Amino acid sequence: MRTFRTVAVLAVLAIAGPAWAHHPFDSEFDTNAPVKLSGKVTKIYWSDPHVVFQLGVADAGGQVRQWNCEAASPSAMEKKGWQKDMLKEGEQITIQGYRAKSEPFVAAARMVTLPDGKSISSADDEDGGPKN
């Protein structure tokens, strides 16, 4: 009986674990700080819990800053029509999103405009953030 209870508790923790790891949008990002960034994709991390890509963005002085742009999970991105190979290093893209509250070059990417002009949502619809 004790073994059954232990297995049951472990099963519940395994299922609930991802929910504990997920953070609400407004705990990390500022909905009052929208940002539009255009630059070249320098790295792509297509893995859980979020797809993250780095974007080299030139500032007003011409210095290129590397922005970490956080998108939805790989499975949520695929449901929105994304394919793993849609973003490629070296491509020029534009993102619309929101700045992080505490990190200077981090943003939640909510919409991505690809080199062909097509815009596609990269928002995590379950995080409580804006849907754009």
Foldseek 3Di string as FASTA:
>chain_A
DVVVVVVVVVVVCVVCVVVVVDAAPVVWWDPVAKDKFKAFWADWDQAPPWTWTWGFGQDPVRHTDTAIETFHHNVVCVVQPDDPPQHDGGFIKMFIFTDTPPDDRYTHGQWIQGPVRDITGRHHPPRNDDND
